[in-house]
Amino acid sequence: MTDNEPSYGTKRWTKHFEDIDLEIARLAVMMEIPILDPGVIDRILANDTSVCGKEKPKAFTELRGMLQLHATDQVKAMGALGAVETQAMVRDVVDRLRARLGDRLGNRQGPPAA
């Protein structure tokens, strides 16, 4: 393994967040929620359904749970990898999703909050 190659733990956490964030993105796009716009994630976590462009209560509940899982697991990853590496990894995952889905995710420029 070279110095630039991610560790096994980093690869495992990256795959985990890719899976979670892809599902979050899928649900957000389905309900027309600009998930990366400032304050939207906090409103979803506060159970504010007014952020939805399309009303889908079951999908909203699933999205909220996935965001809670993301936040919980991000704290765990910080314990395993460190805060700087975890934040960079999550930012990279979000950037790849943004590249795939374009502006359908909203306009936030930073990584999602934990």
Protein backbone atom coordinates (compact mmCIF):
# COMPACT_ATOMS: atom_id res chain seq x y z
CA MET A 1 0.00 0.00 0.00
CA THR A 2 1.40 3.41 -0.93
CA ASP A 3 1.06 6.56 1.15
CA ASN A 4 -1.61 7.88 -1.25
CA GLU A 5 -3.71 4.72 -1.20
CA PRO A 6 -6.62 4.77 1.28
CA SER A 7 -6.54 2.29 4.15
CA TYR A 8 -8.95 -0.62 4.38
CA GLY A 9 -10.94 1.28 7.02
CA THR A 10 -11.20 4.37 4.84
CA LYS A 11 -12.34 2.28 1.85
CA ARG A 12 -14.95 0.52 4.01
CA TRP A 13 -16.31 3.80 5.43
CA THR A 14 -16.29 5.41 1.97
CA LYS A 15 -18.39 2.55 0.53
CA HIS A 16 -20.74 2.78 3.52
CA PHE A 17 -21.31 6.53 3.02
CA GLU A 18 -21.64 6.12 -0.75
CA ASP A 19 -24.48 3.65 -0.17
CA ILE A 20 -26.21 5.81 2.44
CA ASP A 21 -25.81 9.05 0.50
CA LEU A 22 -26.97 7.50 -2.77
CA GLU A 23 -30.20 6.42 -1.04
CA ILE A 24 -30.57 9.88 0.54
CA ALA A 25 -30.10 11.45 -2.90
CA ARG A 26 -32.59 9.04 -4.52
CA LEU A 27 -35.25 9.84 -1.94
CA ALA A 28 -34.58 13.59 -2.11
CA VAL A 29 -34.84 13.63 -5.91
CA MET A 30 -38.02 11.54 -5.79
CA MET A 31 -39.66 14.06 -3.44
CA GLU A 32 -38.10 17.09 -5.17
CA ILE A 33 -36.23 18.18 -2.03
CA PRO A 34 -33.16 20.39 -2.60
CA ILE A 35 -31.33 18.43 0.11
CA LEU A 36 -28.07 20.40 -0.12
CA ASP A 37 -29.67 23.84 0.15
CA PRO A 38 -28.77 25.54 3.44
CA GLY A 39 -31.02 24.50 6.32
CA VAL A 40 -32.90 21.76 4.44
CA ILE A 41 -31.25 18.84 6.23
CA ASP A 42 -31.98 20.46 9.61
CA ARG A 43 -35.61 20.96 8.61
CA ILE A 44 -35.94 17.32 7.55
CA LEU A 45 -34.41 16.16 10.83
CA ALA A 46 -36.93 18.42 12.62
CA ASN A 47 -39.68 16.52 10.73
CA ASP A 48 -40.65 19.56 8.61
CA THR A 49 -42.37 18.12 5.53
CA SER A 50 -42.80 21.57 3.97
CA VAL A 51 -39.40 21.08 2.25
CA CYS A 52 -40.98 18.44 -0.02
CA GLY A 53 -41.91 19.30 -3.59
CA LYS A 54 -43.91 16.06 -3.73
CA GLU A 55 -45.72 14.67 -0.71
CA LYS A 56 -44.66 11.09 0.01
CA PRO A 57 -44.95 10.48 3.78
CA LYS A 58 -43.39 7.01 3.77
CA ALA A 59 -40.41 8.15 1.68
CA PHE A 60 -39.99 11.23 3.91
CA THR A 61 -39.82 9.02 7.00
CA GLU A 62 -37.22 6.83 5.29
CA LEU A 63 -35.21 9.90 4.22
CA ARG A 64 -35.25 11.28 7.75
CA GLY A 65 -34.03 7.93 9.09
CA MET A 66 -31.24 7.77 6.51
CA LEU A 67 -30.10 11.29 7.49
CA GLN A 68 -30.07 10.25 11.15
CA LEU A 69 -28.05 7.14 10.23
CA HIS A 70 -25.62 9.30 8.24
CA ALA A 71 -25.10 11.64 11.19
CA THR A 72 -24.63 8.81 13.69
CA ASP A 73 -22.23 6.93 11.45
CA GLN A 74 -20.27 10.07 10.65
CA VAL A 75 -19.53 10.43 14.37
CA LYS A 76 -18.43 6.77 14.47
CA ALA A 77 -16.20 7.28 11.43
CA MET A 78 -14.62 10.29 13.10
CA GLY A 79 -13.71 8.06 16.03
CA ALA A 80 -12.19 5.46 13.71
CA LEU A 81 -10.50 7.70 11.12
CA GLY A 82 -10.29 11.14 12.68
CA ALA A 83 -12.35 14.25 11.98
CA VAL A 84 -10.27 15.64 9.11
CA GLU A 85 -10.17 12.39 7.13
CA THR A 86 -13.88 11.72 7.73
CA GLN A 87 -14.93 15.21 6.63
CA ALA A 88 -12.79 14.95 3.50
CA MET A 89 -14.22 11.51 2.70
CA VAL A 90 -17.83 12.63 3.14
CA ARG A 91 -17.16 15.78 1.06
CA ASP A 92 -15.73 13.59 -1.74
CA VAL A 93 -18.79 11.30 -1.64
CA VAL A 94 -21.15 14.31 -1.87
CA ASP A 95 -19.09 15.83 -4.69
CA ARG A 96 -19.34 12.59 -6.71
CA LEU A 97 -23.11 12.49 -6.13
CA ARG A 98 -23.40 16.14 -7.15
CA ALA A 99 -21.47 15.37 -10.35
CA ARG A 100 -23.87 12.48 -11.11
CA LEU A 101 -27.12 14.28 -10.26
CA GLY A 102 -26.32 17.92 -10.97
CA ASP A 103 -28.43 20.64 -9.40
CA ARG A 104 -31.26 18.26 -8.43
CA LEU A 105 -29.64 18.02 -4.98
CA GLY A 106 -29.58 21.76 -4.31
CA ASN A 107 -26.83 24.30 -3.92
CA ARG A 108 -24.83 23.71 -0.72
CA GLN A 109 -21.11 24.02 -1.28
CA GLY A 110 -19.81 22.40 1.91
CA PRO A 111 -20.11 18.89 3.34
CA PRO A 112 -23.35 17.84 5.04
CA ALA A 113 -23.54 18.51 8.75
CA ALA A 114 -23.13 15.64 11.15
